[in-house]
Amino acid sequence: VCVLEKDAALGGTWAASRTYPGLRTNNTKHTYEFSDHPYPPETELFPRADQVRSYLESYADRFGIRDRIRFRQEVIAIGRSPRDRAKLAIECRAVDGQGPGYAGEFDHVVVCNGVFHRPKLPAVPGVERFRGRVLHSSEVTASSYGPNDRVIVVGGGKSAARMRGKSTSPRVRRPARAASMPSMSNEGSASA
């Protein structure tokens, strides 16, 4: 088994460099775990990003996966091996040109590229006159803005609701629809 990972750390969305305050799963821990590796009992019902990250790291360590990960490798080609047509050849390049690119041949390939790994921002007339920063939710991290910054979150999906966080109150102008998200901690929830 060989895992090719574009980032410098495992975890994808849950990696420390990609999380923001208030990020947690949209699913309960019982539906967001491997059957052979349950979450620790103290994990919140809807795990926080740091809990998911710790969980994924503990899984990788427990099953010896971390040693099989080649970090900072971006897959640029998958095709039949010219030497053995029964095998698949993989070609990678090192992210940011740091180190050599990996190449190898495999019997099987599982592609796990993340459906939404490339941010897509809508075209907004006049956005070029906006003096602030415009970020996609996938680009927001804990250091993207400070406690005194004025932030507007555009959208009503799960990411927008989570980004709003506990320290802000929604202000909506000409809403199509607005809703508040319930608390996602274990407080007040029944235990199984």
Protein backbone atom coordinates (compact mmCIF):
# COMPACT_ATOMS: atom_id res chain seq x y z
CA VAL A 1 0.00 0.00 0.00
CA CYS A 2 1.22 3.46 -0.93
CA VAL A 3 -0.69 6.66 -0.16
CA LEU A 4 0.07 9.74 -2.25
CA GLU A 5 -0.92 12.93 -0.43
CA LYS A 6 -0.74 16.40 -1.95
CA ASP A 7 -0.63 18.19 1.41
CA ALA A 8 2.18 18.22 3.96
CA ALA A 9 0.02 16.46 6.56
CA LEU A 10 -2.69 13.84 6.59
CA GLY A 11 -6.31 14.74 7.19
CA GLY A 12 -7.41 16.75 4.15
CA THR A 13 -10.15 19.12 5.36
CA TRP A 14 -9.21 18.27 8.94
CA ALA A 15 -5.48 19.12 8.67
CA ALA A 16 -4.46 21.91 11.07
CA SER A 17 -3.50 24.21 8.20
CA ARG A 18 -7.01 23.98 6.70
CA THR A 19 -9.32 24.36 9.70
CA TYR A 20 -11.01 27.42 11.16
CA PRO A 21 -12.58 28.17 14.54
CA GLY A 22 -15.84 26.29 15.03
CA LEU A 23 -15.24 23.68 12.31
CA ARG A 24 -16.75 20.33 13.21
CA THR A 25 -18.38 17.42 11.45
CA ASN A 26 -21.88 17.59 10.07
CA ASN A 27 -22.36 13.97 11.09
CA THR A 28 -22.32 12.27 14.47
CA LYS A 29 -19.14 10.51 15.48
CA HIS A 30 -20.92 7.16 15.18
CA THR A 31 -21.47 7.68 11.45
CA TYR A 32 -18.05 9.25 10.92
CA GLU A 33 -15.71 6.53 12.16
CA PHE A 34 -14.07 3.35 10.93
CA SER A 35 -15.76 0.18 12.21
CA ASP A 36 -12.46 -1.17 13.57
CA HIS A 37 -11.39 2.06 15.26
CA PRO A 38 -14.05 3.89 17.31
CA TYR A 39 -13.64 7.47 18.53
CA PRO A 40 -12.51 7.86 22.15
CA PRO A 41 -15.55 8.07 24.50
CA GLU A 42 -14.81 11.72 25.41
CA THR A 43 -15.16 12.84 21.77
CA GLU A 44 -18.11 15.19 21.29
CA LEU A 45 -21.18 13.86 19.51
CA PHE A 46 -20.36 16.10 16.51
CA PRO A 47 -16.54 16.07 16.67
CA ARG A 48 -14.51 19.27 16.44
CA ALA A 49 -11.82 19.56 13.78
CA ASP A 50 -9.02 18.85 16.28
CA GLN A 51 -10.84 15.71 17.44
CA VAL A 52 -11.23 14.44 13.87
CA ARG A 53 -7.58 15.23 13.16
CA SER A 54 -6.44 13.33 16.28
CA TYR A 55 -8.72 10.43 15.35
CA LEU A 56 -7.33 10.18 11.80
CA GLU A 57 -3.76 10.40 13.08
CA SER A 58 -4.42 7.69 15.66
CA TYR A 59 -5.89 5.46 12.94
CA ALA A 60 -2.88 6.00 10.67
CA ASP A 61 -0.49 5.23 13.53
CA ARG A 62 -2.40 2.20 14.83
CA PHE A 63 -2.49 0.52 11.42
CA GLY A 64 0.96 1.60 10.17
CA ILE A 65 -0.39 3.82 7.40
CA ARG A 66 1.60 6.95 8.25
CA ASP A 67 4.85 5.25 7.19
CA ARG A 68 3.28 4.49 3.79
CA ILE A 69 2.26 8.08 3.02
CA ARG A 70 4.31 10.06 0.54
CA PHE A 71 3.48 13.65 1.42
CA ARG A 72 3.61 16.68 -0.91
CA GLN A 73 3.11 14.52 -4.02
CA GLU A 74 0.56 15.61 -6.62
CA VAL A 75 -0.57 12.88 -9.00
CA ILE A 76 -0.31 14.20 -12.55
CA ALA A 77 -0.78 11.00 -14.57
CA ILE A 78 -2.27 7.52 -14.22
CA GLY A 79 -2.08 5.09 -17.11
CA ARG A 80 -1.16 1.56 -18.14
CA SER A 81 2.42 0.65 -17.54
CA PRO A 82 4.37 0.41 -20.82
CA ARG A 83 6.37 -2.49 -19.32
CA ASP A 84 3.44 -4.50 -17.93
CA ARG A 85 -0.03 -3.67 -19.30
CA ALA A 86 -1.64 -5.39 -16.28
CA LYS A 87 -0.22 -2.69 -13.98
CA LEU A 88 -1.02 0.99 -13.59
CA ALA A 89 1.77 3.54 -13.71
CA ILE A 90 1.51 6.62 -11.49
CA GLU A 91 3.49 9.79 -12.03
CA CYS A 92 3.67 12.57 -9.45
CA ARG A 93 5.33 15.92 -9.09
CA ALA A 94 6.54 17.37 -5.84
CA VAL A 95 4.27 20.15 -4.63
CA ASP A 96 6.01 23.55 -4.93
CA GLY A 97 9.03 21.83 -6.51
CA GLN A 98 10.26 20.68 -3.09
CA GLY A 99 11.99 17.37 -3.64
CA PRO A 100 11.64 14.72 -6.32
CA GLY A 101 8.37 13.57 -7.82
CA TYR A 102 7.32 10.00 -7.14
CA ALA A 103 6.70 7.37 -9.83
CA GLY A 104 5.54 3.81 -9.31
CA GLU A 105 3.56 0.87 -10.67
CA PHE A 106 0.57 -0.71 -8.94
CA ASP A 107 -1.95 -3.50 -9.38
CA HIS A 108 -4.83 -1.31 -8.15
CA VAL A 109 -5.46 2.42 -7.74
CA VAL A 110 -8.06 4.09 -5.52
CA VAL A 111 -8.64 7.76 -6.36
CA CYS A 112 -9.60 9.92 -3.37
CA ASN A 113 -9.18 13.44 -4.68
CA GLY A 114 -11.96 15.26 -2.82
CA VAL A 115 -14.88 16.45 -4.87
CA PHE A 116 -14.57 20.08 -3.77
CA HIS A 117 -10.81 20.45 -3.49
CA ARG A 118 -10.72 23.39 -5.91
CA PRO A 119 -12.49 26.51 -4.64
CA LYS A 120 -15.12 28.02 -6.89
CA LEU A 121 -16.24 31.56 -6.18
CA PRO A 122 -19.30 33.04 -7.86
CA ALA A 123 -18.90 36.02 -10.21
CA VAL A 124 -20.12 39.03 -8.22
CA PRO A 125 -20.50 42.32 -10.10
CA GLY A 126 -18.39 45.02 -8.45
CA VAL A 127 -16.28 42.68 -6.32
CA GLU A 128 -13.14 44.36 -7.68
CA ARG A 129 -14.13 47.52 -5.76
CA PHE A 130 -14.32 45.65 -2.46
CA ARG A 131 -11.30 46.60 -0.32
CA GLY A 132 -11.30 43.55 1.91
CA ARG A 133 -10.17 40.01 1.30
CA VAL A 134 -12.42 37.53 -0.48
CA LEU A 135 -11.87 33.94 0.60
CA HIS A 136 -13.53 30.65 -0.23
CA SER A 137 -14.45 28.62 2.86
CA SER A 138 -11.72 26.10 1.99
CA GLU A 139 -9.13 28.89 2.27
CA VAL A 140 -10.17 30.14 5.71
CA THR A 141 -7.98 29.13 8.64
CA ALA A 142 -7.77 30.17 12.29
CA SER A 143 -5.43 33.04 11.32
CA SER A 144 -7.53 34.39 8.41
CA TYR A 145 -9.21 37.04 10.52
CA GLY A 146 -9.07 38.42 14.04
CA PRO A 147 -11.69 38.84 16.75
CA ASN A 148 -12.27 42.50 15.87
CA ASP A 149 -12.50 42.04 12.10
CA ARG A 150 -15.85 42.55 10.43
CA VAL A 151 -16.59 39.47 8.36
CA ILE A 152 -19.44 38.72 6.02
CA VAL A 153 -20.28 35.13 5.17
CA VAL A 154 -22.14 34.75 1.90
CA GLY A 155 -24.07 31.53 1.48
CA GLY A 156 -26.35 29.30 3.43
CA GLY A 157 -24.75 25.88 3.11
CA LYS A 158 -23.12 23.84 5.84
CA SER A 159 -19.73 25.54 5.46
CA ALA A 160 -21.29 29.00 5.74
CA ALA A 161 -23.22 28.03 8.85
CA ARG A 162 -20.10 26.60 10.51
CA MET A 163 -17.94 29.58 9.52
CA ARG A 164 -20.31 31.94 11.26
CA GLY A 165 -19.21 30.43 14.55
CA LYS A 166 -20.47 31.03 18.06
CA SER A 167 -19.02 34.52 18.51
CA THR A 168 -20.99 36.19 15.75
CA SER A 169 -24.62 36.91 15.22
CA PRO A 170 -26.19 36.73 11.78
CA ARG A 171 -27.19 39.95 10.08
CA VAL A 172 -29.05 39.39 6.90
CA ARG A 173 -29.89 41.93 4.24
CA ARG A 174 -32.67 41.10 1.77
CA PRO A 175 -32.58 37.43 2.69
CA ALA A 176 -33.87 34.68 0.51
CA ARG A 177 -33.82 32.43 3.58
CA ALA A 178 -31.99 32.55 6.91
CA ALA A 179 -31.57 30.00 9.67
CA SER A 180 -29.44 29.51 12.77
CA MET A 181 -27.54 26.30 13.40
CA PRO A 182 -28.14 24.41 16.68
CA SER A 183 -25.29 23.73 19.07
CA MET A 184 -23.31 20.66 17.98
CA SER A 185 -21.63 19.81 21.30
CA ASN A 186 -22.52 16.96 23.67
CA GLU A 187 -24.19 19.41 26.03
CA GLY A 188 -27.80 18.47 26.52
CA SER A 189 -27.64 15.43 24.23
CA ALA A 190 -28.59 11.93 25.23
CA SER A 191 -25.78 9.43 25.28
CA ALA A 192 -26.06 6.07 23.56
